[in-house]
PDB file of N, CA and C in Angstrom:
ATOM      1  N   MET A   1      -8.833 -75.055  -3.842  1.00  0.00           N
ATOM      2  CA  MET A   1      -9.675 -75.223  -2.634  1.00  0.00           C
ATOM      3  C   MET A   1      -9.189 -74.425  -1.441  1.00  0.00           C
ATOM      4  N   PHE A   2      -7.887 -74.445  -1.240  1.00  0.00           N
ATOM      5  CA  PHE A   2      -7.481 -73.668  -0.246  1.00  0.00           C
ATOM      6  C   PHE A   2      -7.838 -72.054  -0.494  1.00  0.00           C
ATOM      7  N   SER A   3      -7.990 -71.652  -1.418  1.00  0.00           N
ATOM      8  CA  SER A   3      -8.487 -70.175  -1.609  1.00  0.00           C
ATOM      9  C   SER A   3      -9.848 -70.070  -1.373  1.00  0.00           C
ATOM     10  N   LEU A   4     -10.853 -70.975  -1.467  1.00  0.00           N
ATOM     11  CA  LEU A   4     -12.178 -70.915  -0.952  1.00  0.00           C
ATOM     12  C   LEU A   4     -12.196 -70.949   0.464  1.00  0.00           C
ATOM     13  N   ILE A   5     -11.238 -71.693   1.111  1.00  0.00           N
ATOM     14  CA  ILE A   5     -11.253 -71.843   2.586  1.00  0.00           C
ATOM     15  C   ILE A   5     -10.839 -70.651   3.156  1.00  0.00           C
ATOM     16  N   TRP A   6      -9.775 -70.068   2.480  1.00  0.00           N
ATOM     17  CA  TRP A   6      -9.282 -68.660   2.980  1.00  0.00           C
ATOM     18  C   TRP A   6     -10.342 -67.473   2.805  1.00  0.00           C
ATOM     19  N   SER A   7     -11.061 -67.550   1.672  1.00  0.00           N
ATOM     20  CA  SER A   7     -12.136 -66.458   1.380  1.00  0.00           C
ATOM     21  C   SER A   7     -13.202 -66.593   2.548  1.00  0.00           C
ATOM     22  N   ILE A   8     -13.559 -67.894   2.953  1.00  0.00           N
ATOM     23  CA  ILE A   8     -14.579 -68.015   3.916  1.00  0.00           C
ATOM     24  C   ILE A   8     -13.957 -67.415   5.390  1.00  0.00           C
ATOM     25  N   ILE A   9     -12.875 -67.774   5.673  1.00  0.00           N
ATOM     26  CA  ILE A   9     -12.050 -67.331   6.960  1.00  0.00           C
ATOM     27  C   ILE A   9     -12.015 -65.841   6.941  1.00  0.00           C
ATOM     28  N   VAL A  10     -11.558 -65.254   5.763  1.00  0.00           N
ATOM     29  CA  VAL A  10     -11.210 -63.693   5.835  1.00  0.00           C
ATOM     30  C   VAL A  10     -12.791 -63.093   5.769  1.00  0.00           C
ATOM     31  N   GLY A  11     -13.752 -63.751   5.080  1.00  0.00           N
ATOM     32  CA  GLY A  11     -15.053 -63.082   4.895  1.00  0.00           C
ATOM     33  C   GLY A  11     -15.727 -63.011   6.356  1.00  0.00           C
ATOM     34  N   PHE A  12     -15.553 -64.172   7.111  1.00  0.00           N
ATOM     35  CA  PHE A  12     -15.844 -64.190   8.582  1.00  0.00           C
ATOM     36  C   PHE A  12     -15.411 -63.051   9.340  1.00  0.00           C
ATOM     37  N   PHE A  13     -14.151 -62.768   9.258  1.00  0.00           N
ATOM     38  CA  PHE A  13     -13.693 -61.795  10.154  1.00  0.00           C
ATOM     39  C   PHE A  13     -14.012 -60.375   9.500  1.00  0.00           C
ATOM     40  N   VAL A  14     -13.883 -60.159   8.316  1.00  0.00           N
ATOM     41  CA  VAL A  14     -14.607 -58.888   7.813  1.00  0.00           C
ATOM     42  C   VAL A  14     -15.988 -58.740   8.192  1.00  0.00           C
ATOM     43  N   GLY A  15     -16.775 -59.624   8.055  1.00  0.00           N
ATOM     44  CA  GLY A  15     -18.036 -59.626   8.588  1.00  0.00           C
ATOM     45  C   GLY A  15     -18.173 -59.140  10.082  1.00  0.00           C
ATOM     46  N   LEU A  16     -17.374 -59.877  10.863  1.00  0.00           N
ATOM     47  CA  LEU A  16     -17.409 -59.645  12.128  1.00  0.00           C
ATOM     48  C   LEU A  16     -17.023 -58.045  12.491  1.00  0.00           C
ATOM     49  N   ILE A  17     -15.979 -57.629  11.842  1.00  0.00           N
ATOM     50  CA  ILE A  17     -15.517 -56.218  12.091  1.00  0.00           C
ATOM     51  C   ILE A  17     -16.703 -55.228  11.628  1.00  0.00           C
ATOM     52  N   ALA A  18     -17.317 -55.473  10.452  1.00  0.00           N
ATOM     53  CA  ALA A  18     -18.342 -54.661   9.817  1.00  0.00           C
ATOM     54  C   ALA A  18     -19.564 -54.805  11.030  1.00  0.00           C
ATOM     55  N   ARG A  19     -19.759 -55.704  11.571  1.00  0.00           N
ATOM     56  CA  ARG A  19     -20.926 -55.729  12.597  1.00  0.00           C
ATOM     57  C   ARG A  19     -20.660 -55.089  13.698  1.00  0.00           C
ATOM     58  N   TRP A  20     -19.450 -55.022  14.007  1.00  0.00           N
ATOM     59  CA  TRP A  20     -18.919 -54.425  15.388  1.00  0.00           C
ATOM     60  C   TRP A  20     -18.963 -52.812  15.034  1.00  0.00           C
ATOM     61  N   ILE A  21     -18.663 -52.432  13.992  1.00  0.00           N
ATOM     62  CA  ILE A  21     -18.758 -50.982  13.377  1.00  0.00           C
ATOM     63  C   ILE A  21     -20.189 -50.535  13.323  1.00  0.00           C
ATOM     64  N   VAL A  22     -21.120 -51.334  12.699  1.00  0.00           N
ATOM     65  CA  VAL A  22     -22.408 -50.704  12.500  1.00  0.00           C
ATOM     66  C   VAL A  22     -23.321 -50.824  13.806  1.00  0.00           C
ATOM     67  N   PRO A  23     -23.828 -49.766  14.061  1.00  0.00           N
ATOM     68  CA  PRO A  23     -24.620 -49.743  15.330  1.00  0.00           C
ATOM     69  C   PRO A  23     -25.856 -50.670  15.176  1.00  0.00           C
ATOM     70  N   GLY A  24     -26.546 -50.962  16.198  1.00  0.00           N
ATOM     71  CA  GLY A  24     -27.673 -51.933  16.248  1.00  0.00           C
ATOM     72  C   GLY A  24     -27.526 -53.189  16.478  1.00  0.00           C
ATOM     73  N   ALA A  25     -28.579 -53.993  16.830  1.00  0.00           N
ATOM     74  CA  ALA A  25     -28.605 -55.268  17.049  1.00  0.00           C
ATOM     75  C   ALA A  25     -28.898 -56.177  15.789  1.00  0.00           C
ATOM     76  N   ALA A  26     -27.810 -56.686  15.174  1.00  0.00           N
ATOM     77  CA  ALA A  26     -28.042 -57.464  14.178  1.00  0.00           C
ATOM     78  C   ALA A  26     -27.826 -58.937  14.445  1.00  0.00           C
ATOM     79  N   HIS A  27     -28.890 -59.591  14.546  1.00  0.00           N
ATOM     80  CA  HIS A  27     -28.959 -61.258  14.952  1.00  0.00           C
ATOM     81  C   HIS A  27     -28.667 -62.077  13.907  1.00  0.00           C
ATOM     82  N   TYR A  28     -27.397 -62.020  13.433  1.00  0.00           N
ATOM     83  CA  TYR A  28     -26.745 -62.906  12.369  1.00  0.00           C
ATOM     84  C   TYR A  28     -26.127 -63.811  12.841  1.00  0.00           C
ATOM     85  N   GLY A  29     -26.102 -64.970  12.332  1.00  0.00           N
ATOM     86  CA  GLY A  29     -25.281 -66.138  12.829  1.00  0.00           C
ATOM     87  C   GLY A  29     -24.006 -66.229  11.988  1.00  0.00           C
ATOM     88  N   PHE A  30     -23.467 -67.267  12.220  1.00  0.00           N
ATOM     89  CA  PHE A  30     -21.925 -67.405  11.560  1.00  0.00           C
ATOM     90  C   PHE A  30     -22.128 -67.517  10.038  1.00  0.00           C
ATOM     91  N   ILE A  31     -23.139 -68.191   9.462  1.00  0.00           N
ATOM     92  CA  ILE A  31     -23.314 -68.047   7.900  1.00  0.00           C
ATOM     93  C   ILE A  31     -23.590 -66.728   7.421  1.00  0.00           C
ATOM     94  N   MET A  32     -24.558 -66.032   7.956  1.00  0.00           N
ATOM     95  CA  MET A  32     -24.983 -64.727   7.631  1.00  0.00           C
ATOM     96  C   MET A  32     -23.700 -63.792   7.538  1.00  0.00           C
ATOM     97  N   THR A  33     -22.942 -63.854   8.787  1.00  0.00           N
ATOM     98  CA  THR A  33     -21.915 -63.139   8.754  1.00  0.00           C
ATOM     99  C   THR A  33     -20.781 -63.365   8.022  1.00  0.00           C
ATOM    100  N   THR A  34     -20.594 -64.419   7.677  1.00  0.00           N
ATOM    101  CA  THR A  34     -19.623 -65.053   6.662  1.00  0.00           C
ATOM    102  C   THR A  34     -19.993 -64.378   5.230  1.00  0.00           C
ATOM    103  N   ILE A  35     -21.349 -64.549   4.899  1.00  0.00           N
ATOM    104  CA  ILE A  35     -21.799 -64.195   3.687  1.00  0.00           C
ATOM    105  C   ILE A  35     -21.734 -62.656   3.492  1.00  0.00           C
ATOM    106  N   VAL A  36     -22.048 -61.877   4.513  1.00  0.00           N
ATOM    107  CA  VAL A  36     -21.992 -60.426   4.547  1.00  0.00           C
ATOM    108  C   VAL A  36     -20.495 -60.054   4.255  1.00  0.00           C
ATOM    109  N   GLY A  37     -19.572 -60.749   5.046  1.00  0.00           N
ATOM    110  CA  GLY A  37     -18.298 -60.504   4.864  1.00  0.00           C
ATOM    111  C   GLY A  37     -17.652 -60.866   3.435  1.00  0.00           C
ATOM    112  N   ILE A  38     -17.861 -61.832   2.925  1.00  0.00           N
ATOM    113  CA  ILE A  38     -17.567 -62.229   1.506  1.00  0.00           C
ATOM    114  C   ILE A  38     -17.882 -61.288   0.515  1.00  0.00           C
ATOM    115  N   VAL A  39     -19.531 -60.982   0.493  1.00  0.00           N
ATOM    116  CA  VAL A  39     -19.955 -60.203  -0.360  1.00  0.00           C
ATOM    117  C   VAL A  39     -19.416 -58.829  -0.432  1.00  0.00           C
ATOM    118  N   GLY A  40     -19.355 -58.312   0.967  1.00  0.00           N
ATOM    119  CA  GLY A  40     -18.703 -57.065   1.330  1.00  0.00           C
ATOM    120  C   GLY A  40     -17.205 -57.034   0.714  1.00  0.00           C
ATOM    121  N   SER A  41     -16.589 -58.184   0.786  1.00  0.00           N
ATOM    122  CA  SER A  41     -15.132 -58.221   0.322  1.00  0.00           C
ATOM    123  C   SER A  41     -15.247 -58.048  -1.242  1.00  0.00           C
ATOM    124  N   VAL A  42     -15.912 -58.589  -1.892  1.00  0.00           N
ATOM    125  CA  VAL A  42     -16.128 -58.526  -3.218  1.00  0.00           C
ATOM    126  C   VAL A  42     -16.386 -56.950  -3.701  1.00  0.00           C
ATOM    127  N   ILE A  43     -17.289 -56.453  -2.882  1.00  0.00           N
ATOM    128  CA  ILE A  43     -17.731 -55.039  -3.246  1.00  0.00           C
ATOM    129  C   ILE A  43     -16.483 -54.072  -2.960  1.00  0.00           C
ATOM    130  N   GLY A  44     -15.944 -54.283  -1.878  1.00  0.00           N
ATOM    131  CA  GLY A  44     -14.884 -53.421  -1.319  1.00  0.00           C
ATOM    132  C   GLY A  44     -13.495 -53.605  -2.256  1.00  0.00           C
ATOM    133  N   GLY A  45     -13.319 -54.881  -2.510  1.00  0.00           N
ATOM    134  CA  GLY A  45     -12.159 -55.183  -3.472  1.00  0.00           C
ATOM    135  C   GLY A  45     -12.258 -54.657  -4.855  1.00  0.00           C
ATOM    136  N   PHE A  46     -13.360 -54.607  -5.525  1.00  0.00           N
ATOM    137  CA  PHE A  46     -13.615 -53.946  -6.635  1.00  0.00           C
ATOM    138  C   PHE A  46     -13.352 -52.538  -6.471  1.00  0.00           C
ATOM    139  N   ILE A  47     -13.897 -51.872  -5.472  1.00  0.00           N
ATOM    140  CA  ILE A  47     -13.763 -50.303  -5.236  1.00  0.00           C
ATOM    141  C   ILE A  47     -12.322 -50.106  -5.031  1.00  0.00           C
ATOM    142  N   GLY A  48     -11.624 -51.067  -4.087  1.00  0.00           N
ATOM    143  CA  GLY A  48     -10.227 -50.739  -3.783  1.00  0.00           C
ATOM    144  C   GLY A  48      -9.292 -50.899  -5.087  1.00  0.00           C
ATOM    145  N   THR A  49      -9.655 -51.599  -6.131  1.00  0.00           N
ATOM    146  CA  THR A  49      -8.762 -51.780  -7.318  1.00  0.00           C
ATOM    147  C   THR A  49      -8.947 -50.828  -8.113  1.00  0.00           C
ATOM    148  N   LEU A  50      -9.981 -49.862  -8.037  1.00  0.00           N
ATOM    149  CA  LEU A  50     -10.282 -48.885  -8.906  1.00  0.00           C
ATOM    150  C   LEU A  50      -9.367 -47.654  -8.507  1.00  0.00           C
ATOM    151  N   PHE A  51      -8.975 -47.786  -7.190  1.00  0.00           N
ATOM    152  CA  PHE A  51      -8.074 -46.544  -6.705  1.00  0.00           C
ATOM    153  C   PHE A  51      -6.679 -46.863  -6.796  1.00  0.00           C
ATOM    154  N   ASN A  52      -6.413 -48.139  -6.343  1.00  0.00           N
ATOM    155  CA  ASN A  52      -5.007 -48.489  -6.225  1.00  0.00           C
ATOM    156  C   ASN A  52      -4.836 -50.150  -6.728  1.00  0.00           C
ATOM    157  N   LYS A  53      -4.161 -50.294  -7.893  1.00  0.00           N
ATOM    158  CA  LYS A  53      -3.930 -51.588  -8.196  1.00  0.00           C
ATOM    159  C   LYS A  53      -2.881 -52.387  -7.573  1.00  0.00           C
ATOM    160  N   PRO A  54      -3.049 -53.613  -7.164  1.00  0.00           N
ATOM    161  CA  PRO A  54      -1.953 -54.264  -6.484  1.00  0.00           C
ATOM    162  C   PRO A  54      -0.948 -54.537  -7.322  1.00  0.00           C
ATOM    163  N   ALA A  55       0.420 -54.759  -6.800  1.00  0.00           N
ATOM    164  CA  ALA A  55       1.527 -55.155  -7.564  1.00  0.00           C
ATOM    165  C   ALA A  55       1.434 -56.514  -8.138  1.00  0.00           C
ATOM    166  N   PRO A  56       1.900 -56.901  -9.229  1.00  0.00           N
ATOM    167  CA  PRO A  56       1.776 -58.132  -9.654  1.00  0.00           C
ATOM    168  C   PRO A  56       2.390 -59.279  -8.965  1.00  0.00           C
ATOM    169  N   GLY A  57       1.831 -60.318  -8.327  1.00  0.00           N
ATOM    170  CA  GLY A  57       2.121 -61.401  -7.486  1.00  0.00           C
ATOM    171  C   GLY A  57       2.153 -61.122  -6.052  1.00  0.00           C
ATOM    172  N   GLN A  58       1.467 -59.870  -5.763  1.00  0.00           N
ATOM    173  CA  GLN A  58       1.369 -59.526  -4.406  1.00  0.00           C
ATOM    174  C   GLN A  58       0.143 -60.413  -3.883  1.00  0.00           C
ATOM    175  N   LYS A  59       0.322 -60.940  -2.561  1.00  0.00           N
ATOM    176  CA  LYS A  59      -0.606 -61.849  -2.116  1.00  0.00           C
ATOM    177  C   LYS A  59      -1.616 -60.751  -1.082  1.00  0.00           C
ATOM    178  N   PHE A  60      -1.246 -59.876  -0.407  1.00  0.00           N
ATOM    179  CA  PHE A  60      -2.007 -59.059   0.452  1.00  0.00           C
ATOM    180  C   PHE A  60      -2.122 -57.675  -0.215  1.00  0.00           C
ATOM    181  N   HIS A  61      -3.337 -57.184  -0.286  1.00  0.00           N
ATOM    182  CA  HIS A  61      -3.274 -55.763  -0.674  1.00  0.00           C
ATOM    183  C   HIS A  61      -4.241 -54.970   0.391  1.00  0.00           C
ATOM    184  N   THR A  62      -3.505 -54.139   0.972  1.00  0.00           N
ATOM    185  CA  THR A  62      -3.906 -53.199   2.142  1.00  0.00           C
ATOM    186  C   THR A  62      -5.164 -52.603   1.669  1.00  0.00           C
ATOM    187  N   ALA A  63      -5.336 -52.011   0.551  1.00  0.00           N
ATOM    188  CA  ALA A  63      -6.426 -51.081   0.342  1.00  0.00           C
ATOM    189  C   ALA A  63      -7.526 -51.917   0.049  1.00  0.00           C
ATOM    190  N   GLY A  64      -7.434 -53.222  -0.432  1.00  0.00           N
ATOM    191  CA  GLY A  64      -8.475 -54.065  -0.730  1.00  0.00           C
ATOM    192  C   GLY A  64      -8.934 -54.777   0.454  1.00  0.00           C
ATOM    193  N   PHE A  65      -8.150 -54.903   1.626  1.00  0.00           N
ATOM    194  CA  PHE A  65      -8.649 -55.316   2.894  1.00  0.00           C
ATOM    195  C   PHE A  65      -9.521 -54.360   3.679  1.00  0.00           C
ATOM    196  N   ILE A  66      -9.178 -53.143   3.574  1.00  0.00           N
ATOM    197  CA  ILE A  66      -9.826 -52.035   4.124  1.00  0.00           C
ATOM    198  C   ILE A  66     -10.987 -51.624   3.489  1.00  0.00           C
ATOM    199  N   MET A  67     -10.895 -51.637   2.141  1.00  0.00           N
ATOM    200  CA  MET A  67     -12.113 -51.488   1.519  1.00  0.00           C
ATOM    201  C   MET A  67     -13.198 -52.596   1.620  1.00  0.00           C
ATOM    202  N   SER A  68     -12.676 -53.815   1.736  1.00  0.00           N
ATOM    203  CA  SER A  68     -13.540 -54.979   2.068  1.00  0.00           C
ATOM    204  C   SER A  68     -14.331 -54.885   3.184  1.00  0.00           C
ATOM    205  N   ILE A  69     -13.890 -54.333   4.243  1.00  0.00           N
ATOM    206  CA  ILE A  69     -14.482 -53.665   5.563  1.00  0.00           C
ATOM    207  C   ILE A  69     -15.547 -52.769   5.142  1.00  0.00           C
ATOM    208  N   VAL A  70     -14.959 -51.804   4.417  1.00  0.00           N
ATOM    209  CA  VAL A  70     -16.006 -50.659   4.104  1.00  0.00           C
ATOM    210  C   VAL A  70     -17.160 -51.131   3.255  1.00  0.00           C
ATOM    211  N   GLY A  71     -17.060 -52.194   2.344  1.00  0.00           N
ATOM    212  CA  GLY A  71     -17.918 -52.865   1.467  1.00  0.00           C
ATOM    213  C   GLY A  71     -18.935 -53.618   2.387  1.00  0.00           C
ATOM    214  N   ALA A  72     -18.357 -54.288   3.414  1.00  0.00           N
ATOM    215  CA  ALA A  72     -19.181 -54.991   4.241  1.00  0.00           C
ATOM    216  C   ALA A  72     -20.149 -54.142   5.162  1.00  0.00           C
ATOM    217  N   VAL A  73     -19.785 -52.849   5.708  1.00  0.00           N
ATOM    218  CA  VAL A  73     -20.371 -51.968   6.379  1.00  0.00           C
ATOM    219  C   VAL A  73     -21.547 -51.259   5.390  1.00  0.00           C
ATOM    220  N   ILE A  74     -21.099 -51.067   4.109  1.00  0.00           N
ATOM    221  CA  ILE A  74     -22.187 -50.657   3.231  1.00  0.00           C
ATOM    222  C   ILE A  74     -23.326 -51.691   3.374  1.00  0.00           C
ATOM    223  N   LEU A  75     -22.954 -52.904   2.912  1.00  0.00           N
ATOM    224  CA  LEU A  75     -23.861 -54.022   2.895  1.00  0.00           C
ATOM    225  C   LEU A  75     -24.671 -54.081   4.004  1.00  0.00           C
ATOM    226  N   LEU A  76     -24.282 -53.923   5.303  1.00  0.00           N
ATOM    227  CA  LEU A  76     -24.929 -54.112   6.511  1.00  0.00           C
ATOM    228  C   LEU A  76     -26.034 -52.933   6.551  1.00  0.00           C
ATOM    229  N   PHE A  77     -25.416 -51.754   6.117  1.00  0.00           N
ATOM    230  CA  PHE A  77     -26.524 -50.723   6.174  1.00  0.00           C
ATOM    231  C   PHE A  77     -27.664 -50.836   5.144  1.00  0.00           C
ATOM    232  N   LEU A  78     -27.315 -51.418   4.017  1.00  0.00           N
ATOM    233  CA  LEU A  78     -28.300 -51.799   3.124  1.00  0.00           C
ATOM    234  C   LEU A  78     -29.283 -52.894   3.620  1.00  0.00           C
ATOM    235  N   LEU A  79     -28.682 -53.805   4.040  1.00  0.00           N
ATOM    236  CA  LEU A  79     -29.860 -54.975   4.806  1.00  0.00           C
ATOM    237  C   LEU A  79     -30.492 -54.370   5.807  1.00  0.00           C
ATOM    238  N   LYS A  80     -30.069 -53.425   6.631  1.00  0.00           N
ATOM    239  CA  LYS A  80     -30.924 -52.835   7.730  1.00  0.00           C
ATOM    240  C   LYS A  80     -32.017 -52.060   7.029  1.00  0.00           C
ATOM    241  N   PHE A  81     -31.556 -51.158   6.071  1.00  0.00           N
ATOM    242  CA  PHE A  81     -32.649 -50.408   5.234  1.00  0.00           C
ATOM    243  C   PHE A  81     -33.701 -51.382   4.608  1.00  0.00           C
ATOM    244  N   ILE A  82     -33.298 -52.475   4.105  1.00  0.00           N
ATOM    245  CA  ILE A  82     -34.514 -53.384   3.597  1.00  0.00           C
ATOM    246  C   ILE A  82     -35.283 -54.166   4.592  1.00  0.00           C
ATOM    247  N   GLU A  83     -34.619 -54.339   5.670  1.00  0.00           N
ATOM    248  CA  GLU A  83     -35.385 -55.098   6.601  1.00  0.00           C
ATOM    249  C   GLU A  83     -36.378 -54.193   7.510  1.00  0.00           C
ATOM    250  N   HIS A  84     -36.192 -53.005   7.404  1.00  0.00           N
ATOM    251  CA  HIS A  84     -37.185 -51.952   8.165  1.00  0.00           C
ATOM    252  C   HIS A  84     -37.959 -51.382   7.161  1.00  0.00           C
TER     253      HIS A  84
END
């Protein structure tokens, strides 16, 4: 249960950072920002583990967090492309 709450919190902040990086006015609310962050984290985390695997038992993976932001930015660009 705590893992789910933590994913939502981190997803929201990743979504906020991605919205700050991507230019343009995206009128997304709390829920859409969180969804973009969570899906971007899944995409970016997968890409991050392809390059650098975390050590066993490691709770925080720097490459995974950075790639989560990159994944959310990519997702926002895709959403902008689909909307227009």
